[in-house]
Structures are given as C-alpha cells and as structure tokens.
Amino acid sequence: MSEPQTAAEVARALADVLDRHGIPYAVGGAINVFVSPTDQLSAALAVLAEAGFLVHEDEPALRARAIAEGQFQGSIGGLRVDVFVPAIFVRQKLIELVGAKDERLAALDENEQDLTGGC
C-alpha cells in the first residue's frame, strides 16, 4: 500500500499525467477534474488510472453515470477525486438558449449514442 498523498500531490500527479497524454482538463481545489465525455472519456479513464485513480465501477457503468449525472467519483491515495463531464450541462444550456431541439442538440445526441453504445 502506498503512503497517503496530500491533495496538492494528487492534483499535481493528475495534471502531470493529463498533460503528458494531451487530455484537455481542469483541476479544482477539492480535487475536481473536468473532462469531456463526448470524445475522450475512455482515454481520460486510462490516463487517470495511470495516476493511480481507482473506481469501483466498470467503464460502461461510469459512462452511464457520466451521461446521467454529469460526474463520477474515484480516489487516488485514499483521497476522493470527483470527475465532472460537462456535456449534460451543455445540453441543458442549449435547450434554454434555443428553446427546442436543433442541429446542435442533434450533434450532442449523436455523441451520447456513441458513448452509451446506443443504449
């Protein structure tokens, strides 16, 4: 078992591995990571695992949670890490702005189908 890490050490490790793999991200103060599920969730999960990120669900369950809730959790070195996937919020904002489905929402729906395997 590895030694417990500080939040700063975990945040630095996350930033380093995401940078190294070219995954766009943001890291918040409470060890929040923001990634895009529409095009890089699988890559982000693999990269996070390289940084020691542990989850208790398989990838399909995490994808479903990302789509349904816009986030999922794991841990690194015993510290909770929240991973936010903002596509759900993008869809809600577009609906507010345009008031109905249009081609932008159709594109989001296509990406969601790709993520869920058409489920």
Protein backbone atom coordinates (compact mmCIF):
# COMPACT_ATOMS: atom_id res chain seq x y z
CA MET A 1 0.00 0.00 0.00
CA SER A 2 1.40 3.39 -0.92
CA GLU A 3 1.74 6.25 1.54
CA PRO A 4 -1.19 8.68 1.72
CA GLN A 5 -0.73 11.68 -0.52
CA THR A 6 -1.68 15.27 0.10
CA ALA A 7 -4.36 16.88 -2.04
CA ALA A 8 -1.67 19.02 -3.70
CA GLU A 9 0.38 15.91 -4.58
CA VAL A 10 -2.67 14.20 -6.07
CA ALA A 11 -3.62 17.33 -8.06
CA ARG A 12 -0.04 17.64 -9.37
CA ALA A 13 0.05 13.96 -10.37
CA LEU A 14 -3.28 14.32 -12.18
CA ALA A 15 -2.16 17.45 -14.01
CA ASP A 16 1.14 15.83 -15.00
CA VAL A 17 -0.41 12.67 -16.44
CA LEU A 18 -3.22 14.52 -18.25
CA ASP A 19 -0.69 16.97 -19.75
CA ARG A 20 1.61 14.14 -20.81
CA HIS A 21 -1.23 12.48 -22.72
CA GLY A 22 -2.71 15.66 -24.19
CA ILE A 23 -6.11 15.27 -22.47
CA PRO A 24 -7.84 18.65 -22.01
CA TYR A 25 -8.73 19.16 -18.34
CA ALA A 26 -9.15 21.49 -15.40
CA VAL A 27 -8.37 20.62 -11.78
CA GLY A 28 -10.32 22.29 -8.98
CA GLY A 29 -9.34 22.92 -5.38
CA ALA A 30 -11.26 19.97 -3.91
CA ILE A 31 -9.58 17.61 -6.39
CA ASN A 32 -12.22 18.00 -9.03
CA VAL A 33 -11.27 17.06 -12.59
CA PHE A 34 -13.31 18.20 -15.58
CA VAL A 35 -13.11 16.13 -18.78
CA SER A 36 -15.22 15.80 -21.90
CA PRO A 37 -17.16 12.55 -22.18
CA THR A 38 -18.10 13.20 -25.78
CA ASP A 39 -14.71 12.44 -27.23
CA GLN A 40 -12.16 11.43 -24.64
CA LEU A 41 -13.74 9.63 -21.70
CA SER A 42 -12.03 6.28 -22.41
CA ALA A 43 -8.66 7.98 -22.84
CA ALA A 44 -9.21 10.08 -19.71
CA LEU A 45 -10.07 6.98 -17.64
CA ALA A 46 -6.91 5.21 -18.83
CA VAL A 47 -4.78 8.27 -18.11
CA LEU A 48 -6.37 8.78 -14.67
CA ALA A 49 -5.66 5.11 -13.88
CA GLU A 50 -2.00 5.78 -14.71
CA ALA A 51 -2.06 8.45 -11.98
CA GLY A 52 -3.45 5.89 -9.51
CA PHE A 53 -7.16 6.71 -9.93
CA LEU A 54 -9.29 3.86 -8.56
CA VAL A 55 -13.01 3.35 -9.18
CA HIS A 56 -15.50 0.74 -8.01
CA GLU A 57 -17.43 0.53 -11.29
CA ASP A 58 -16.57 -0.72 -14.74
CA GLU A 59 -16.23 1.67 -17.68
CA PRO A 60 -19.78 1.13 -19.05
CA ALA A 61 -21.23 1.99 -15.63
CA LEU A 62 -19.01 5.09 -15.40
CA ARG A 63 -20.12 6.16 -18.90
CA ALA A 64 -23.76 5.75 -17.91
CA ARG A 65 -23.18 7.76 -14.72
CA ALA A 66 -21.31 10.44 -16.69
CA ILE A 67 -24.24 10.78 -19.11
CA ALA A 68 -26.97 10.63 -16.46
CA GLU A 69 -25.37 12.66 -13.67
CA GLY A 70 -22.54 14.59 -15.32
CA GLN A 71 -19.96 13.18 -12.89
CA PHE A 72 -18.49 10.15 -11.15
CA GLN A 73 -16.06 9.56 -8.28
CA GLY A 74 -12.91 7.62 -7.59
CA SER A 75 -9.89 8.01 -5.39
CA ILE A 76 -6.13 8.43 -5.51
CA GLY A 77 -4.01 7.64 -2.48
CA GLY A 78 -7.11 7.46 -0.31
CA LEU A 79 -8.32 10.93 -1.38
CA ARG A 80 -11.66 11.30 -3.16
CA VAL A 81 -11.46 12.62 -6.71
CA ASP A 82 -14.63 13.89 -8.41
CA VAL A 83 -14.61 13.73 -12.21
CA PHE A 84 -17.08 16.05 -13.92
CA VAL A 85 -18.16 15.57 -17.51
CA PRO A 86 -19.93 18.76 -18.57
CA ALA A 87 -21.84 17.55 -21.66
CA ILE A 88 -25.05 17.24 -19.66
CA PHE A 89 -24.80 20.91 -18.74
CA VAL A 90 -24.05 21.94 -22.32
CA ARG A 91 -27.27 20.24 -23.49
CA GLN A 92 -29.34 21.97 -20.80
CA LYS A 93 -27.88 25.38 -21.69
CA LEU A 94 -28.56 24.86 -25.40
CA ILE A 95 -32.18 23.95 -24.66
CA GLU A 96 -32.50 27.15 -22.60
CA LEU A 97 -30.96 29.24 -25.39
CA VAL A 98 -32.80 27.81 -28.39
CA GLY A 99 -35.96 26.58 -26.70
CA ALA A 100 -36.15 23.42 -28.80
CA LYS A 101 -34.00 20.81 -30.46
CA ASP A 102 -31.88 21.97 -33.35
CA GLU A 103 -28.79 20.69 -35.16
CA ARG A 104 -26.52 21.45 -32.18
CA LEU A 105 -28.59 19.22 -29.91
CA ALA A 106 -28.75 16.54 -32.60
CA ALA A 107 -24.93 16.52 -32.64
CA LEU A 108 -24.87 16.10 -28.85
CA ASP A 109 -27.40 13.27 -29.14
CA GLU A 110 -25.15 11.52 -31.69
CA ASN A 111 -22.19 11.81 -29.33
CA GLU A 112 -24.28 10.43 -26.47
CA GLN A 113 -25.28 7.45 -28.62
CA ASP A 114 -21.58 6.82 -29.29
CA LEU A 115 -20.87 6.93 -25.54
CA THR A 116 -23.67 4.62 -24.48
CA GLY A 117 -23.36 2.22 -27.39
CA GLY A 118 -26.87 3.17 -28.48
CA CYS A 119 -28.45 2.21 -25.15
